[in-house]
């Protein structure tokens, strides 16, 4: 199947974006260098075009009931303008996807899902919609920019009368932005550097992108690709679907117990509760390399004797720490912070340490 183009695909190419197929879409992986773009977001402000993400609008008297049944977290605690992180459990003990739940108002929500899972998630939620909830897929008509970094607020404040500095983490507002009405601005972030997401109609995407860059010119604002997005999220220990969580990984073993609320009944909740009570066999941990070496996805994690105890799910050279970092599953007895373990890199055992996440403190 051919990859789809996001609205600004040709525009990104024209400004030097290297386009690659990712999650079914042609996406800019970088414009200059991954390290330069990474530092730009950590120290200044950068803009990611993440219009490949999926957005579903749910409306109806039983919208909350449907969300409560298909997601792991307790959406009943949400208030208007509040966002919640959750996942969609499957029946086999794995994860259909992780997602964000936006409460617009009573009986009206927006779900934001991963690009590669749009059709899968839509079909999954639809198959459980016995509640008569009106579902609309907004993915193809919605563009999404993530404006991230310590200078994001100062940049975007020039384009709206909404007091951005007053917005709490994991909240959103709808209002006027860059001369357009009814634009959704949220504060979730996937970088740990602070910032906002702008949801807007495709037809105004290029105009708004250019206005954001005019507003951020004094801060040397730059477009940022998926390469830096991956190193930024990994420094924060944020899971990436397809790597750290999948159809077959246990959400509890992946550290998602904090968004698994057994105060309600949801898909496969009984089996997940039984797994929690029986004790977890493995856990997703953070690893920092002691010896030189870059840990990559699927590399084996071993004990001192070379016995396999787990596998890397995400790994990179951290531009901020200038050392190899990774997340991976290890047997529970090796999961305590401070435990010395080894990563098999080209058949050689390279020393690493289990560390608490995140690798980099937010805002650093």
Protein backbone atom coordinates (compact mmCIF):
# COMPACT_ATOMS: atom_id res chain seq x y z
CA UNK A 1 0.00 0.00 0.00
CA UNK A 2 1.34 3.42 -0.95
CA UNK A 3 2.05 5.84 1.88
CA UNK A 4 -0.38 8.76 2.16
CA UNK A 5 0.68 12.38 1.98
CA UNK A 6 -0.07 14.78 4.82
CA UNK A 7 -1.43 18.18 3.74
CA UNK A 8 1.95 19.97 3.89
CA UNK A 9 3.99 17.09 2.44
CA UNK A 10 5.13 19.00 -0.67
CA UNK A 11 5.77 22.10 1.42
CA UNK A 12 8.06 20.19 3.78
CA UNK A 13 9.98 18.83 0.83
CA UNK A 14 10.36 22.35 -0.55
CA UNK A 15 11.98 23.58 2.70
CA UNK A 16 14.44 20.70 2.82
CA UNK A 17 12.55 18.02 4.71
CA UNK A 18 13.77 14.49 3.98
CA UNK A 19 10.53 12.55 3.50
CA UNK A 20 10.26 8.88 4.45
CA UNK A 21 7.35 6.42 4.77
CA UNK A 22 6.30 6.19 8.43
CA UNK A 23 3.12 4.61 9.84
CA UNK A 24 1.52 4.69 6.40
CA UNK A 25 2.37 8.34 5.66
CA UNK A 26 5.21 10.24 4.01
CA UNK A 27 6.69 12.20 6.90
CA UNK A 28 9.68 14.54 7.34
CA UNK A 29 12.33 12.56 9.25
CA UNK A 30 14.75 15.51 9.42
CA UNK A 31 15.48 18.91 7.88
CA UNK A 32 19.07 19.47 9.04
CA UNK A 33 20.50 16.96 11.54
CA UNK A 34 18.77 14.97 14.27
CA UNK A 35 21.11 16.31 16.97
CA UNK A 36 20.70 19.93 15.89
CA UNK A 37 16.91 19.58 15.81
CA UNK A 38 16.92 17.80 19.19
CA UNK A 39 18.89 20.66 20.78
CA UNK A 40 16.63 23.24 19.14
CA UNK A 41 13.61 21.77 20.99
CA UNK A 42 15.45 21.32 24.30
CA UNK A 43 16.84 24.88 24.26
CA UNK A 44 14.53 27.00 22.06
CA UNK A 45 11.47 26.13 20.01
CA UNK A 46 10.74 23.73 17.18
CA UNK A 47 7.66 22.64 15.25
CA UNK A 48 6.70 19.07 14.38
CA UNK A 49 4.06 18.46 11.73
CA UNK A 50 2.32 15.42 13.21
CA UNK A 51 -0.77 15.62 11.00
CA UNK A 52 -0.55 11.86 10.45
CA UNK A 53 -2.09 11.30 13.91
CA UNK A 54 -5.73 10.21 14.10
CA UNK A 55 -8.64 12.10 15.66
CA UNK A 56 -12.04 10.57 16.43
CA UNK A 57 -15.02 12.62 17.61
CA UNK A 58 -17.44 10.78 19.92
CA UNK A 59 -20.83 12.24 20.79
CA UNK A 60 -23.93 10.94 22.54
CA UNK A 61 -25.47 10.24 25.93
CA UNK A 62 -23.47 7.03 26.26
CA UNK A 63 -20.15 8.40 24.94
CA UNK A 64 -18.55 8.13 28.38
CA UNK A 65 -19.84 4.57 28.79
CA UNK A 66 -18.17 3.53 25.53
CA UNK A 67 -14.89 5.22 26.50
CA UNK A 68 -14.99 3.63 29.95
CA UNK A 69 -15.42 0.19 28.41
CA UNK A 70 -12.74 0.38 25.68
CA UNK A 71 -10.05 2.34 27.58
CA UNK A 72 -8.03 1.42 30.66
CA UNK A 73 -8.14 4.73 32.53
CA UNK A 74 -11.09 6.24 34.42
CA UNK A 75 -12.54 8.88 32.10
CA UNK A 76 -15.32 9.72 34.58
CA UNK A 77 -12.89 12.03 36.42
CA UNK A 78 -12.41 14.24 33.35
CA UNK A 79 -13.81 17.76 33.31
CA UNK A 80 -14.40 20.03 30.29
CA UNK A 81 -11.01 20.91 28.77
CA UNK A 82 -9.14 18.07 30.51
CA UNK A 83 -7.07 15.39 28.72
CA UNK A 84 -6.22 11.88 29.89
CA UNK A 85 -3.64 9.35 28.74
CA UNK A 86 -4.94 5.78 28.40
CA UNK A 87 -4.69 2.66 26.28
CA UNK A 88 -7.09 0.33 24.48
CA UNK A 89 -6.64 -3.19 25.90
CA UNK A 90 -7.26 -6.16 23.63
CA UNK A 91 -8.71 -9.51 24.65
CA UNK A 92 -5.35 -11.31 24.61
CA UNK A 93 -3.61 -9.27 27.31
CA UNK A 94 -1.91 -6.85 24.91
CA UNK A 95 -2.58 -3.30 23.71
CA UNK A 96 -4.53 -2.21 20.62
CA UNK A 97 -3.06 1.31 20.95
CA UNK A 98 -2.28 4.05 23.43
CA UNK A 99 -4.25 7.28 23.07
CA UNK A 100 -5.36 10.60 24.51
CA UNK A 101 -8.95 11.25 25.62
CA UNK A 102 -10.10 14.88 25.39
CA UNK A 103 -13.32 15.84 27.19
CA UNK A 104 -14.94 18.65 25.19
CA UNK A 105 -18.12 18.73 27.29
CA UNK A 106 -20.59 16.24 28.74
CA UNK A 107 -21.42 13.61 26.11
CA UNK A 108 -18.72 14.89 23.72
CA UNK A 109 -15.11 13.72 23.45
CA UNK A 110 -12.15 13.58 21.08
CA UNK A 111 -9.79 10.60 20.97
CA UNK A 112 -6.29 11.09 19.55
CA UNK A 113 -4.71 7.86 18.29
CA UNK A 114 -1.48 6.79 16.63
CA UNK A 115 -1.19 7.22 12.86
CA UNK A 116 -0.39 3.61 12.06
CA UNK A 117 -3.41 2.42 14.03
CA UNK A 118 -6.17 4.74 12.77
CA UNK A 119 -8.11 2.07 10.87
CA UNK A 120 -7.41 -0.63 13.48
CA UNK A 121 -8.54 1.60 16.35
CA UNK A 122 -11.62 2.83 14.49
CA UNK A 123 -12.71 -0.74 13.75
CA UNK A 124 -11.96 -1.86 17.31
CA UNK A 125 -13.92 0.95 19.00
CA UNK A 126 -16.75 0.70 16.45
CA UNK A 127 -17.07 -3.04 17.09
CA UNK A 128 -17.72 -2.29 20.78
CA UNK A 129 -20.05 0.66 20.14
CA UNK A 130 -23.27 -0.99 21.32
CA UNK A 131 -24.06 2.31 23.08
CA UNK A 132 -25.39 4.24 20.07
CA UNK A 133 -22.52 6.74 20.22
CA UNK A 134 -22.13 8.95 17.14
CA UNK A 135 -18.55 8.46 15.91
CA UNK A 136 -16.81 10.69 13.35
CA UNK A 137 -13.30 10.13 12.00
CA UNK A 138 -11.72 13.59 11.65
CA UNK A 139 -8.24 12.28 10.80
CA UNK A 140 -8.22 13.13 7.07
CA UNK A 141 -9.48 16.69 7.55
CA UNK A 142 -7.34 17.66 10.55
CA UNK A 143 -3.77 18.91 10.62
CA UNK A 144 -1.74 18.87 13.85
CA UNK A 145 1.36 20.86 14.77
CA UNK A 146 3.33 20.23 17.95
CA UNK A 147 5.18 23.40 18.95
CA UNK A 148 7.70 22.32 21.57
CA UNK A 149 10.47 23.86 23.66
CA UNK A 150 11.05 26.49 26.35
CA UNK A 151 10.27 29.31 23.86
CA UNK A 152 7.00 27.75 22.63
CA UNK A 153 4.76 29.83 24.91
CA UNK A 154 6.41 33.13 23.95
CA UNK A 155 6.12 32.20 20.27
CA UNK A 156 2.48 31.14 20.25
CA UNK A 157 1.27 33.85 22.63
CA UNK A 158 1.75 36.37 19.80
CA UNK A 159 -0.97 34.54 17.83
CA UNK A 160 -3.76 34.26 20.41
CA UNK A 161 -5.50 36.13 23.22
CA UNK A 162 -5.79 32.87 25.21
CA UNK A 163 -3.42 33.02 28.20
CA UNK A 164 -1.18 30.08 27.32
CA UNK A 165 1.00 30.39 30.42
CA UNK A 166 -2.12 29.77 32.55
CA UNK A 167 -2.83 26.41 30.87
CA UNK A 168 -2.14 23.37 33.02
CA UNK A 169 -0.42 20.25 31.70
CA UNK A 170 -2.91 17.90 30.01
CA UNK A 171 -5.58 20.53 29.40
CA UNK A 172 -6.88 22.13 26.19
CA UNK A 173 -8.90 25.13 25.07
CA UNK A 174 -10.79 26.02 21.91
CA UNK A 175 -10.57 29.55 20.66
CA UNK A 176 -9.07 32.07 18.26
CA UNK A 177 -5.56 31.34 16.99
CA UNK A 178 -3.61 32.97 14.14
CA UNK A 179 -6.79 34.69 12.94
CA UNK A 180 -8.93 31.55 12.89
CA UNK A 181 -11.78 30.60 15.22
CA UNK A 182 -12.50 27.33 17.01
CA UNK A 183 -8.89 26.09 16.95
CA UNK A 184 -7.98 23.49 19.59
CA UNK A 185 -4.80 24.23 21.57
CA UNK A 186 -3.62 21.54 23.97
CA UNK A 187 -0.71 21.11 26.38
CA UNK A 188 0.33 17.45 26.39
CA UNK A 189 3.75 17.21 24.75
CA UNK A 190 5.88 14.20 23.83
CA UNK A 191 9.28 15.81 24.34
CA UNK A 192 9.52 16.89 27.99
CA UNK A 193 10.51 20.36 26.76
CA UNK A 194 7.10 21.99 27.25
CA UNK A 195 4.86 23.36 24.55
CA UNK A 196 1.51 22.97 22.82
CA UNK A 197 -0.35 21.13 20.08
CA UNK A 198 -2.48 22.99 17.53
CA UNK A 199 -5.36 21.09 15.85
CA UNK A 200 -6.61 22.90 12.77
CA UNK A 201 -8.43 22.34 9.45
CA UNK A 202 -6.19 21.21 6.57
CA UNK A 203 -7.12 24.21 4.43
CA UNK A 204 -5.45 26.71 6.79
CA UNK A 205 -2.44 24.53 7.67
CA UNK A 206 0.18 26.20 5.48
CA UNK A 207 -0.95 29.71 6.39
CA UNK A 208 -0.86 28.94 10.15
CA UNK A 209 2.50 27.15 9.87
CA UNK A 210 4.02 30.27 8.30
CA UNK A 211 2.50 32.52 10.97
CA UNK A 212 3.99 30.33 13.71
CA UNK A 213 7.41 30.63 12.05
CA UNK A 214 7.09 34.42 11.78
CA UNK A 215 6.17 34.56 15.48
CA UNK A 216 9.12 32.36 16.44
CA UNK A 217 11.73 33.98 14.18
CA UNK A 218 13.32 35.88 17.07
CA UNK A 219 13.86 32.55 18.88
CA UNK A 220 15.39 30.89 15.79
CA UNK A 221 12.41 28.53 15.44
CA UNK A 222 13.03 25.46 13.28
CA UNK A 223 11.00 22.65 11.69
CA UNK A 224 11.73 19.34 13.44
CA UNK A 225 11.54 15.83 12.00
CA UNK A 226 10.64 12.42 13.36
CA UNK A 227 14.27 11.57 14.07
CA UNK A 228 14.56 14.16 16.83
CA UNK A 229 11.03 13.39 18.00
CA UNK A 230 12.19 9.85 18.76
CA UNK A 231 15.31 10.86 20.71
CA UNK A 232 13.35 13.51 22.64
CA UNK A 233 10.57 11.09 23.67
CA UNK A 234 13.08 8.38 24.56
CA UNK A 235 14.99 10.74 26.89
CA UNK A 236 11.66 11.17 28.71
CA UNK A 237 10.99 7.42 28.85
CA UNK A 238 7.74 7.82 26.88
CA UNK A 239 6.46 4.62 25.25
CA UNK A 240 6.17 4.38 21.47
CA UNK A 241 3.49 2.08 20.13
CA UNK A 242 5.00 -0.64 17.97
CA UNK A 243 8.22 -0.59 19.99
CA UNK A 244 7.62 -0.53 23.75
CA UNK A 245 3.94 -1.47 23.64
CA UNK A 246 2.33 -3.76 21.08
CA UNK A 247 -0.59 -6.12 20.48
CA UNK A 248 1.27 -8.74 22.53
CA UNK A 249 2.98 -6.74 25.32
CA UNK A 250 1.32 -6.59 28.72
CA UNK A 251 0.46 -2.98 29.60
CA UNK A 252 1.21 -3.74 33.25
CA UNK A 253 4.67 -5.06 32.43
CA UNK A 254 5.16 -1.98 30.21
CA UNK A 255 4.66 0.30 33.23
CA UNK A 256 1.12 1.41 32.36
CA UNK A 257 -0.37 0.32 35.68
CA UNK A 258 -0.83 4.01 36.56
CA UNK A 259 -3.43 4.37 33.77
CA UNK A 260 -5.09 1.00 34.49
CA UNK A 261 -8.03 1.62 36.81
CA UNK A 262 -9.61 -1.52 38.24
CA UNK A 263 -12.35 0.57 39.91
CA UNK A 264 -14.40 -0.07 36.75
CA UNK A 265 -14.96 -2.90 34.31
CA UNK A 266 -13.27 -2.62 30.93
CA UNK A 267 -12.14 -4.92 28.12
CA UNK A 268 -9.99 -7.75 29.59
CA UNK A 269 -9.87 -6.05 33.03
CA UNK A 270 -10.40 -9.34 34.88
CA UNK A 271 -7.38 -10.98 33.24
CA UNK A 272 -5.20 -7.91 33.75
CA UNK A 273 -6.18 -7.79 37.43
CA UNK A 274 -5.32 -11.49 37.79
CA UNK A 275 -1.93 -10.80 36.18
CA UNK A 276 -1.28 -7.94 38.59
CA UNK A 277 -2.21 -10.09 41.60
CA UNK A 278 -0.08 -13.02 40.43
CA UNK A 279 2.98 -10.76 40.03
CA UNK A 280 4.70 -9.56 36.87
CA UNK A 281 7.29 -11.79 35.20
CA UNK A 282 9.08 -8.94 33.42
CA UNK A 283 9.17 -5.14 33.47
CA UNK A 284 9.97 -2.33 31.05
CA UNK A 285 12.99 -0.45 32.44
CA UNK A 286 15.36 2.33 31.49
CA UNK A 287 18.98 1.45 30.71
CA UNK A 288 22.01 3.74 30.55
CA UNK A 289 25.16 2.45 28.93
CA UNK A 290 28.24 2.42 31.15
CA UNK A 291 30.57 1.19 28.41
CA UNK A 292 30.56 2.74 24.94
CA UNK A 293 27.90 1.42 22.61
CA UNK A 294 24.51 2.33 21.18
CA UNK A 295 21.71 -0.01 22.25
CA UNK A 296 19.24 -0.66 19.43
CA UNK A 297 15.75 -2.11 19.27
CA UNK A 298 15.71 -5.96 19.51
CA UNK A 299 19.24 -6.22 20.95
CA UNK A 300 19.45 -8.88 23.67
CA UNK A 301 19.79 -7.89 27.32
CA UNK A 302 21.93 -10.38 29.29
CA UNK A 303 23.24 -11.06 32.78
CA UNK A 304 26.98 -11.14 33.55
CA UNK A 305 27.19 -14.74 32.35
CA UNK A 306 25.65 -13.93 28.98
CA UNK A 307 22.26 -15.48 29.73
CA UNK A 308 19.39 -13.71 27.96
CA UNK A 309 17.19 -11.83 30.47
CA UNK A 310 15.33 -9.51 28.10
CA UNK A 311 15.29 -7.36 24.98
CA UNK A 312 15.70 -3.70 24.02
CA UNK A 313 12.49 -2.12 22.68
CA UNK A 314 13.79 1.43 21.99
CA UNK A 315 17.40 2.65 22.04
CA UNK A 316 19.54 5.54 20.86
CA UNK A 317 22.51 7.77 21.61
CA UNK A 318 21.11 10.53 23.85
CA UNK A 319 22.09 13.96 22.45
CA UNK A 320 21.55 15.53 25.90
CA UNK A 321 23.50 12.96 27.96
CA UNK A 322 25.93 11.97 25.21
CA UNK A 323 25.62 8.30 26.07
CA UNK A 324 23.59 5.30 24.96
CA UNK A 325 20.13 5.00 26.52
CA UNK A 326 17.38 2.46 25.99
CA UNK A 327 14.14 1.01 27.24
CA UNK A 328 13.62 -2.71 27.32
CA UNK A 329 11.91 -5.59 29.05
CA UNK A 330 13.91 -7.53 31.64
CA UNK A 331 12.99 -10.30 34.06
CA UNK A 332 11.54 -8.71 37.19
CA UNK A 333 14.48 -9.72 39.39
CA UNK A 334 16.76 -7.52 37.20
CA UNK A 335 14.40 -4.51 37.11
CA UNK A 336 15.56 -2.60 40.21
CA UNK A 337 17.34 0.72 39.57
CA UNK A 338 21.09 0.30 40.04
CA UNK A 339 21.18 -3.27 38.70
CA UNK A 340 24.14 -3.89 36.40
CA UNK A 341 23.21 -5.70 33.20
CA UNK A 342 24.69 -6.16 29.72
CA UNK A 343 23.51 -5.42 26.20
CA UNK A 344 24.70 -7.73 23.43
CA UNK A 345 26.09 -5.47 20.71
CA UNK A 346 27.64 -7.33 17.75
CA UNK A 347 28.06 -10.49 19.88
CA UNK A 348 29.89 -8.52 22.60
CA UNK A 349 28.50 -7.96 26.11
CA UNK A 350 28.48 -4.21 26.79
CA UNK A 351 27.88 -3.03 30.37
CA UNK A 352 24.79 -0.96 31.26
CA UNK A 353 22.83 0.09 34.33
CA UNK A 354 19.11 -0.06 35.08
CA UNK A 355 17.98 3.51 35.88
CA UNK A 356 14.78 5.27 36.89
CA UNK A 357 12.92 7.06 34.12
CA UNK A 358 13.01 9.70 32.78
CA UNK A 359 16.64 9.84 31.64
CA UNK A 360 16.40 13.65 31.39
CA UNK A 361 14.39 15.81 33.78
CA UNK A 362 11.45 17.63 32.11
CA UNK A 363 12.42 21.11 31.01
CA UNK A 364 16.09 20.14 30.60
